[in-house]
Amino acid sequence: MIKESVLIGALAMSLGGSLSGCSTMPDVVKYSPEPVERPLLVLPESKITEMRDVDYIVVTEENIDEVWKELEASGKPIVLFALTHEGYEALALNNADIIRYLSEQRAVIIAYKEYYEKADKTIDEHNKKAKDKESSSDEPEASTLSSIKKFLNSN
């Protein structure tokens, strides 16, 4: 008995809630044909990178003593960073990949620029036509019936 009354109460509450949800009216959507200006994209100027000179000294078994003496004579601390042939090749390929990637990104940026310039031009032309049409709409347009009569009389 208690189970039945709890079940009936729950059913009544859920049914009442779903029916009351259908009785409310949705908000009215308002449309405004006014053109919306796109906010300007402000980016900082990028500085052109100036590459620094890098001096490579190729050290082999034949010239190691001579190179070592020259480094000692310079009076600077001696530190050697060594690459194998394969390591140097990988470094060169990495630099080539960076240059390729930058070139691709430049092409993407140019494509976006051209796309948005064309879109802005099209939007401006459309807005101008709409404004011109709106200003000329003060004159009464011919009715459909009179247009049909003119068409029939022209034949």
C-alpha atoms as a PDB file:
ATOM      1  CA  MET A   1       0.000   0.000   0.000  1.00  0.00           C
ATOM      2  CA  ILE A   2       2.768   2.448   0.940  1.00  0.00           C
ATOM      3  CA  LYS A   3       4.764   1.394  -2.107  1.00  0.00           C
ATOM      4  CA  GLU A   4       1.779   2.071  -4.366  1.00  0.00           C
ATOM      5  CA  SER A   5       1.174   5.561  -2.950  1.00  0.00           C
ATOM      6  CA  VAL A   6       4.901   6.444  -3.236  1.00  0.00           C
ATOM      7  CA  LEU A   7       4.906   5.196  -6.823  1.00  0.00           C
ATOM      8  CA  ILE A   8       1.734   7.167  -7.665  1.00  0.00           C
ATOM      9  CA  GLY A   9       3.184  10.315  -6.012  1.00  0.00           C
ATOM     10  CA  ALA A  10       6.459  10.012  -7.943  1.00  0.00           C
ATOM     11  CA  LEU A  11       4.567   9.431 -11.184  1.00  0.00           C
ATOM     12  CA  ALA A  12       2.336  12.445 -10.556  1.00  0.00           C
ATOM     13  CA  MET A  13       5.321  14.681  -9.792  1.00  0.00           C
ATOM     14  CA  SER A  14       7.223  13.639 -12.903  1.00  0.00           C
ATOM     15  CA  LEU A  15       4.145  13.982 -15.096  1.00  0.00           C
ATOM     16  CA  GLY A  16       3.341  17.389 -13.622  1.00  0.00           C
ATOM     17  CA  GLY A  17       6.912  18.586 -14.110  1.00  0.00           C
ATOM     18  CA  SER A  18       7.008  17.489 -17.734  1.00  0.00           C
ATOM     19  CA  LEU A  19       3.657  19.102 -18.501  1.00  0.00           C
ATOM     20  CA  SER A  20       4.584  22.387 -16.858  1.00  0.00           C
ATOM     21  CA  GLY A  21       7.805  22.459 -18.886  1.00  0.00           C
ATOM     22  CA  CYS A  22       5.788  22.408 -22.098  1.00  0.00           C
ATOM     23  CA  SER A  23       3.514  25.238 -20.968  1.00  0.00           C
ATOM     24  CA  THR A  24       6.225  27.913 -20.850  1.00  0.00           C
ATOM     25  CA  MET A  25       6.795  29.996 -23.953  1.00  0.00           C
ATOM     26  CA  PRO A  26      10.338  30.289 -25.322  1.00  0.00           C
ATOM     27  CA  ASP A  27      11.985  33.698 -25.559  1.00  0.00           C
ATOM     28  CA  VAL A  28      11.397  35.536 -28.807  1.00  0.00           C
ATOM     29  CA  VAL A  29      14.473  35.662 -30.998  1.00  0.00           C
ATOM     30  CA  LYS A  30      15.110  39.120 -32.368  1.00  0.00           C
ATOM     31  CA  TYR A  31      16.882  39.563 -35.670  1.00  0.00           C
ATOM     32  CA  SER A  32      18.672  42.723 -36.594  1.00  0.00           C
ATOM     33  CA  PRO A  33      19.958  43.113 -40.159  1.00  0.00           C
ATOM     34  CA  GLU A  34      22.567  45.635 -38.999  1.00  0.00           C
ATOM     35  CA  PRO A  35      26.089  44.807 -40.176  1.00  0.00           C
ATOM     36  CA  VAL A  36      28.459  43.817 -37.414  1.00  0.00           C
ATOM     37  CA  GLU A  37      31.990  45.146 -37.570  1.00  0.00           C
ATOM     38  CA  ARG A  38      34.745  42.617 -37.076  1.00  0.00           C
ATOM     39  CA  PRO A  39      37.161  43.663 -34.316  1.00  0.00           C
ATOM     40  CA  LEU A  40      40.627  44.473 -35.561  1.00  0.00           C
ATOM     41  CA  LEU A  41      43.335  41.929 -34.942  1.00  0.00           C
ATOM     42  CA  VAL A  42      46.234  43.734 -33.341  1.00  0.00           C
ATOM     43  CA  LEU A  43      49.517  41.857 -33.434  1.00  0.00           C
ATOM     44  CA  PRO A  44      52.913  43.093 -32.356  1.00  0.00           C
ATOM     45  CA  GLU A  45      55.475  43.706 -35.048  1.00  0.00           C
ATOM     46  CA  SER A  46      57.834  40.777 -35.328  1.00  0.00           C
ATOM     47  CA  LYS A  47      61.519  41.497 -35.363  1.00  0.00           C
ATOM     48  CA  ILE A  48      63.566  40.033 -38.186  1.00  0.00           C
ATOM     49  CA  THR A  49      66.032  37.612 -36.720  1.00  0.00           C
ATOM     50  CA  GLU A  50      69.647  38.274 -37.401  1.00  0.00           C
ATOM     51  CA  MET A  51      71.660  35.097 -37.286  1.00  0.00           C
ATOM     52  CA  ARG A  52      74.888  35.105 -35.330  1.00  0.00           C
ATOM     53  CA  ASP A  53      78.113  33.855 -36.826  1.00  0.00           C
ATOM     54  CA  VAL A  54      79.106  30.361 -35.787  1.00  0.00           C
ATOM     55  CA  ASP A  55      82.687  29.215 -36.204  1.00  0.00           C
ATOM     56  CA  TYR A  56      83.132  25.526 -36.829  1.00  0.00           C
ATOM     57  CA  ILE A  57      86.525  23.942 -36.411  1.00  0.00           C
ATOM     58  CA  VAL A  58      86.826  20.550 -37.988  1.00  0.00           C
ATOM     59  CA  VAL A  59      89.039  18.410 -35.796  1.00  0.00           C
ATOM     60  CA  THR A  60      90.503  15.182 -37.145  1.00  0.00           C
ATOM     61  CA  GLU A  61      93.172  12.786 -35.929  1.00  0.00           C
ATOM     62  CA  GLU A  62      95.655  14.504 -38.211  1.00  0.00           C
ATOM     63  CA  ASN A  63      95.115  18.088 -36.961  1.00  0.00           C
ATOM     64  CA  ILE A  64      94.111  17.648 -33.312  1.00  0.00           C
ATOM     65  CA  ASP A  65      97.500  18.738 -31.914  1.00  0.00           C
ATOM     66  CA  GLU A  66      97.627  21.850 -34.094  1.00  0.00           C
ATOM     67  CA  VAL A  67      94.023  22.848 -33.249  1.00  0.00           C
ATOM     68  CA  TRP A  68      94.671  22.288 -29.536  1.00  0.00           C
ATOM     69  CA  LYS A  69      97.732  24.578 -29.608  1.00  0.00           C
ATOM     70  CA  GLU A  70      95.739  27.330 -31.406  1.00  0.00           C
ATOM     71  CA  LEU A  71      92.977  27.089 -28.808  1.00  0.00           C
ATOM     72  CA  GLU A  72      95.480  27.304 -25.938  1.00  0.00           C
ATOM     73  CA  ALA A  73      97.177  30.324 -27.578  1.00  0.00           C
ATOM     74  CA  SER A  74      93.843  32.194 -27.737  1.00  0.00           C
ATOM     75  CA  GLY A  75      93.791  32.389 -23.929  1.00  0.00           C
ATOM     76  CA  LYS A  76      90.139  31.390 -23.777  1.00  0.00           C
ATOM     77  CA  PRO A  77      88.879  28.361 -21.868  1.00  0.00           C
ATOM     78  CA  ILE A  78      88.949  25.291 -24.069  1.00  0.00           C
ATOM     79  CA  VAL A  79      85.645  23.528 -24.499  1.00  0.00           C
ATOM     80  CA  LEU A  80      84.912  21.219 -27.396  1.00  0.00           C
ATOM     81  CA  PHE A  81      81.447  20.197 -28.568  1.00  0.00           C
ATOM     82  CA  ALA A  82      81.777  17.235 -30.869  1.00  0.00           C
ATOM     83  CA  LEU A  83      79.397  15.780 -33.408  1.00  0.00           C
ATOM     84  CA  THR A  84      79.721  12.633 -35.376  1.00  0.00           C
ATOM     85  CA  HIS A  85      79.156  12.756 -39.104  1.00  0.00           C
ATOM     86  CA  GLU A  86      75.630  11.400 -38.545  1.00  0.00           C
ATOM     87  CA  GLY A  87      74.974  13.949 -35.768  1.00  0.00           C
ATOM     88  CA  TYR A  88      76.031  16.839 -37.994  1.00  0.00           C
ATOM     89  CA  GLU A  89      73.816  15.512 -40.781  1.00  0.00           C
ATOM     90  CA  ALA A  90      70.853  15.275 -38.362  1.00  0.00           C
ATOM     91  CA  LEU A  91      71.487  18.874 -37.218  1.00  0.00           C
ATOM     92  CA  ALA A  92      71.485  20.092 -40.822  1.00  0.00           C
ATOM     93  CA  LEU A  93      68.272  18.179 -41.588  1.00  0.00           C
ATOM     94  CA  ASN A  94      66.621  19.639 -38.465  1.00  0.00           C
ATOM     95  CA  ASN A  95      67.510  23.150 -39.631  1.00  0.00           C
ATOM     96  CA  ALA A  96      66.079  22.363 -43.064  1.00  0.00           C
ATOM     97  CA  ASP A  97      62.855  21.123 -41.419  1.00  0.00           C
ATOM     98  CA  ILE A  98      62.590  24.356 -39.417  1.00  0.00           C
ATOM     99  CA  ILE A  99      63.007  26.430 -42.586  1.00  0.00           C
ATOM    100  CA  ARG A 100      60.359  24.312 -44.392  1.00  0.00           C
ATOM    101  CA  TYR A 101      57.929  24.652 -41.465  1.00  0.00           C
ATOM    102  CA  LEU A 102      58.377  28.433 -41.344  1.00  0.00           C
ATOM    103  CA  SER A 103      57.743  28.606 -45.083  1.00  0.00           C
ATOM    104  CA  GLU A 104      54.530  26.579 -44.685  1.00  0.00           C
ATOM    105  CA  GLN A 105      53.344  28.817 -41.835  1.00  0.00           C
ATOM    106  CA  ARG A 106      54.032  31.891 -43.952  1.00  0.00           C
ATOM    107  CA  ALA A 107      51.857  30.422 -46.721  1.00  0.00           C
ATOM    108  CA  VAL A 108      49.049  29.753 -44.198  1.00  0.00           C
ATOM    109  CA  ILE A 109      49.218  33.323 -42.895  1.00  0.00           C
ATOM    110  CA  ILE A 110      49.105  34.730 -46.440  1.00  0.00           C
ATOM    111  CA  ALA A 111      46.106  32.504 -47.254  1.00  0.00           C
ATOM    112  CA  TYR A 112      44.239  33.729 -44.144  1.00  0.00           C
ATOM    113  CA  LYS A 113      45.063  37.338 -45.015  1.00  0.00           C
ATOM    114  CA  GLU A 114      43.772  36.967 -48.578  1.00  0.00           C
ATOM    115  CA  TYR A 115      40.658  35.105 -47.381  1.00  0.00           C
ATOM    116  CA  TYR A 116      39.701  37.759 -44.832  1.00  0.00           C
ATOM    117  CA  GLU A 117      40.449  40.638 -47.192  1.00  0.00           C
ATOM    118  CA  LYS A 118      38.203  39.047 -49.845  1.00  0.00           C
ATOM    119  CA  ALA A 119      35.493  38.300 -47.260  1.00  0.00           C
ATOM    120  CA  ASP A 120      35.608  41.865 -45.922  1.00  0.00           C
ATOM    121  CA  LYS A 121      35.343  43.257 -49.469  1.00  0.00           C
ATOM    122  CA  THR A 122      32.361  41.009 -50.245  1.00  0.00           C
ATOM    123  CA  ILE A 123      30.621  41.920 -46.990  1.00  0.00           C
ATOM    124  CA  ASP A 124      31.207  45.640 -47.576  1.00  0.00           C
ATOM    125  CA  GLU A 125      29.834  45.392 -51.138  1.00  0.00           C
ATOM    126  CA  HIS A 126      26.772  43.492 -49.918  1.00  0.00           C
ATOM    127  CA  ASN A 127      26.138  46.000 -47.117  1.00  0.00           C
ATOM    128  CA  LYS A 128      26.461  48.878 -49.593  1.00  0.00           C
ATOM    129  CA  LYS A 129      23.978  47.229 -51.971  1.00  0.00           C
ATOM    130  CA  ALA A 130      21.575  46.591 -49.084  1.00  0.00           C
ATOM    131  CA  LYS A 131      21.896  50.221 -47.948  1.00  0.00           C
ATOM    132  CA  ASP A 132      21.349  51.490 -51.510  1.00  0.00           C
ATOM    133  CA  LYS A 133      18.333  49.232 -51.918  1.00  0.00           C
ATOM    134  CA  GLU A 134      16.983  50.399 -48.553  1.00  0.00           C
ATOM    135  CA  SER A 135      17.318  54.064 -49.527  1.00  0.00           C
ATOM    136  CA  SER A 136      15.662  53.470 -52.916  1.00  0.00           C
ATOM    137  CA  SER A 137      12.823  51.468 -51.323  1.00  0.00           C
ATOM    138  CA  ASP A 138      11.053  54.753 -50.504  1.00  0.00           C
ATOM    139  CA  GLU A 139       9.651  54.670 -54.034  1.00  0.00           C
ATOM    140  CA  PRO A 140       6.636  52.356 -54.317  1.00  0.00           C
ATOM    141  CA  GLU A 141       7.363  49.162 -56.213  1.00  0.00           C
ATOM    142  CA  ALA A 142       5.054  47.943 -58.915  1.00  0.00           C
ATOM    143  CA  SER A 143       2.605  45.350 -57.723  1.00  0.00           C
ATOM    144  CA  THR A 144       2.819  41.789 -58.902  1.00  0.00           C
ATOM    145  CA  LEU A 145      -0.463  42.126 -60.751  1.00  0.00           C
ATOM    146  CA  SER A 146       0.746  45.145 -62.725  1.00  0.00           C
ATOM    147  CA  SER A 147       3.992  43.308 -63.552  1.00  0.00           C
ATOM    148  CA  ILE A 148       1.998  40.379 -64.909  1.00  0.00           C
ATOM    149  CA  LYS A 149      -0.177  42.723 -66.988  1.00  0.00           C
ATOM    150  CA  LYS A 150       2.914  44.388 -68.467  1.00  0.00           C
ATOM    151  CA  PHE A 151       4.348  40.992 -69.315  1.00  0.00           C
ATOM    152  CA  LEU A 152       1.120  39.841 -71.005  1.00  0.00           C
ATOM    153  CA  ASN A 153       0.781  43.074 -72.967  1.00  0.00           C
ATOM    154  CA  SER A 154       4.332  42.933 -74.242  1.00  0.00           C
ATOM    155  CA  ASN A 155       3.644  39.765 -76.278  1.00  0.00           C
END
